[in-house]
Amino acid sequence: MIICRNGIILLNHRPHNSGAYLIHIPYMVNTAHAQRRPIEEVIIHALQVGSPPEWDDVPEEFQADLAALDKLDDNSLWQIVRSRKTAEQMERYNFLLERNSSGNITDAEQLELIKLRHEADRFMLCIAQAAVLLRWRGHHVPTQCWSL
């Protein structure tokens, strides 16, 4: 049985839904385009290894950034996975965390810390999603490759 709703196909090849596959067509098209592969190959890959990684369970404010990663080619995803914050950025962030912990943070520093924390969350989510996408596309991504 095949059910299609809102760009998602449910293929059920076994009784009682024990072997159902969900195929998200827009994602498959983006992946095929990014990898310069036929859509059929990408769908077959999805049927063999499971659904591609999803990002819709992350906070809404980060979803557009993560959705954009689906369209990137593998080289661009590797650049994201290997990206790092500079020592100066990390020092400033740690300095503000310490000031906040000790209760000596100014209002301006508090706002800066909130902004930096939001940027750090986005940064790490993008690195993690890029790593998951690369793994789904068949690459080996060592864990140390995407740790801070």
Protein backbone atom coordinates (compact mmCIF):
# COMPACT_ATOMS: atom_id res chain seq x y z
CA MET A 1 0.00 0.00 0.00
CA ILE A 2 1.22 3.50 -0.79
CA ILE A 3 -0.15 6.59 0.94
CA CYS A 4 0.95 10.08 -0.09
CA ARG A 5 0.16 13.22 1.92
CA ASN A 6 1.87 16.60 1.98
CA GLY A 7 4.97 15.38 0.14
CA ILE A 8 5.43 12.33 2.37
CA ILE A 9 4.97 8.80 1.06
CA LEU A 10 4.23 5.87 3.36
CA LEU A 11 5.16 2.53 1.79
CA ASN A 12 3.79 -0.45 3.66
CA HIS A 13 5.05 -3.71 2.25
CA ARG A 14 4.18 -5.97 5.20
CA PRO A 15 0.93 -6.57 7.02
CA HIS A 16 0.15 -4.67 10.22
CA ASN A 17 2.55 -1.77 9.41
CA SER A 18 5.56 -3.77 10.61
CA GLY A 19 7.59 -2.81 7.57
CA ALA A 20 6.47 0.72 6.81
CA TYR A 21 8.84 3.30 5.36
CA LEU A 22 8.32 7.05 5.39
CA ILE A 23 9.79 8.90 2.42
CA HIS A 24 9.88 12.70 2.61
CA ILE A 25 9.92 13.67 -1.07
CA PRO A 26 11.11 17.32 -0.78
CA TYR A 27 14.06 16.15 1.31
CA MET A 28 14.86 13.43 -1.22
CA VAL A 29 14.80 15.97 -4.06
CA ASN A 30 17.10 18.32 -2.12
CA THR A 31 19.48 15.48 -1.32
CA ALA A 32 19.53 14.21 -4.91
CA HIS A 33 20.26 17.71 -6.18
CA ALA A 34 22.97 18.37 -3.59
CA GLN A 35 24.68 15.06 -4.34
CA ARG A 36 24.09 15.26 -8.09
CA ARG A 37 22.48 11.80 -7.96
CA PRO A 38 19.23 10.56 -9.51
CA ILE A 39 16.24 10.80 -7.20
CA GLU A 40 15.71 7.07 -7.64
CA GLU A 41 19.13 6.33 -6.10
CA VAL A 42 18.39 8.54 -3.11
CA ILE A 43 15.00 6.90 -2.53
CA ILE A 44 16.52 3.41 -2.81
CA HIS A 45 19.19 4.46 -0.30
CA ALA A 46 16.47 5.68 2.06
CA LEU A 47 14.66 2.36 1.73
CA GLN A 48 17.88 0.48 2.47
CA VAL A 49 19.19 2.44 5.45
CA GLY A 50 16.11 4.18 6.81
CA SER A 51 14.77 7.67 6.80
CA PRO A 52 17.10 10.61 6.47
CA PRO A 53 17.75 12.67 9.59
CA GLU A 54 14.99 15.04 10.59
CA TRP A 55 15.30 18.44 12.21
CA ASP A 56 11.71 19.25 13.05
CA ASP A 57 12.12 18.32 16.72
CA VAL A 58 14.51 21.23 17.39
CA PRO A 59 13.30 24.68 18.47
CA GLU A 60 11.52 26.52 15.67
CA GLU A 61 14.04 29.36 15.69
CA PHE A 62 16.74 26.96 14.38
CA GLN A 63 14.67 24.94 11.91
CA ALA A 64 15.29 27.13 8.85
CA ASP A 65 19.06 26.91 9.38
CA LEU A 66 18.92 23.13 9.67
CA ALA A 67 16.53 22.75 6.74
CA ALA A 68 18.97 24.68 4.56
CA LEU A 69 21.66 22.07 5.25
CA ASP A 70 19.65 19.47 3.30
CA LYS A 71 20.45 21.33 0.09
CA LEU A 72 24.22 21.48 0.62
CA ASP A 73 26.67 19.24 -1.13
CA ASP A 74 28.96 16.96 0.87
CA ASN A 75 31.98 19.31 0.71
CA SER A 76 29.95 22.15 2.21
CA LEU A 77 28.67 19.86 4.96
CA TRP A 78 32.25 18.78 5.75
CA GLN A 79 33.24 22.45 6.08
CA ILE A 80 30.47 22.94 8.64
CA VAL A 81 31.39 19.78 10.57
CA ARG A 82 35.02 20.90 10.78
CA SER A 83 34.27 24.52 11.70
CA ARG A 84 35.29 25.82 15.11
CA LYS A 85 34.82 28.95 17.16
CA THR A 86 37.95 31.02 17.57
CA ALA A 87 39.87 31.04 20.83
CA GLU A 88 38.85 34.67 21.34
CA GLN A 89 35.16 33.82 20.90
CA MET A 90 35.41 30.95 23.39
CA GLU A 91 37.35 33.08 25.89
CA ARG A 92 34.72 35.83 25.75
CA TYR A 93 31.90 33.31 26.17
CA ASN A 94 33.64 31.64 29.13
CA PHE A 95 34.39 35.03 30.69
CA LEU A 96 30.72 35.99 30.51
CA LEU A 97 29.66 32.61 31.91
CA GLU A 98 31.99 33.11 34.88
CA ARG A 99 30.71 36.65 35.47
CA ASN A 100 27.15 35.34 35.32
CA SER A 101 27.90 32.51 37.77
CA SER A 102 29.49 34.88 40.24
CA GLY A 103 26.61 37.37 39.97
CA ASN A 104 28.90 40.16 38.73
CA ILE A 105 27.51 40.45 35.22
CA THR A 106 26.24 43.77 33.88
CA ASP A 107 22.99 44.14 31.96
CA ALA A 108 24.91 44.66 28.71
CA GLU A 109 27.04 41.58 29.39
CA GLN A 110 23.89 39.58 30.20
CA LEU A 111 22.41 40.50 26.82
CA GLU A 112 25.69 39.61 25.11
CA LEU A 113 25.76 36.26 26.90
CA ILE A 114 22.20 35.48 25.79
CA LYS A 115 23.14 36.32 22.20
CA LEU A 116 26.33 34.24 22.35
CA ARG A 117 24.48 31.30 23.90
CA HIS A 118 21.90 31.42 21.10
CA GLU A 119 24.69 31.56 18.50
CA ALA A 120 26.48 28.65 20.20
CA ASP A 121 23.29 26.57 20.19
CA ARG A 122 22.76 27.27 16.49
CA PHE A 123 26.42 26.55 15.74
CA MET A 124 26.39 23.16 17.51
CA LEU A 125 23.02 22.13 16.06
CA CYS A 126 24.28 22.90 12.55
CA ILE A 127 27.48 20.93 13.14
CA ALA A 128 25.53 17.97 14.53
CA GLN A 129 22.97 18.03 11.71
CA ALA A 130 25.70 18.29 9.07
CA ALA A 131 27.46 15.29 10.65
CA VAL A 132 24.23 13.28 10.69
CA LEU A 133 23.53 14.17 7.06
CA LEU A 134 27.01 13.07 6.04
CA ARG A 135 26.57 9.79 7.90
CA TRP A 136 23.21 9.25 6.25
CA ARG A 137 24.84 9.92 2.88
CA GLY A 138 27.31 7.13 3.60
CA HIS A 139 30.33 8.98 5.00
CA HIS A 140 32.23 8.01 8.12
CA VAL A 141 32.23 11.01 10.47
CA PRO A 142 34.37 10.43 13.56
CA THR A 143 32.83 11.79 16.75
CA GLN A 144 35.92 13.87 17.55
CA CYS A 145 35.44 15.58 14.19
CA TRP A 146 32.46 17.53 15.46
CA SER A 147 33.16 18.07 19.12
CA LEU A 148 34.19 21.48 20.43
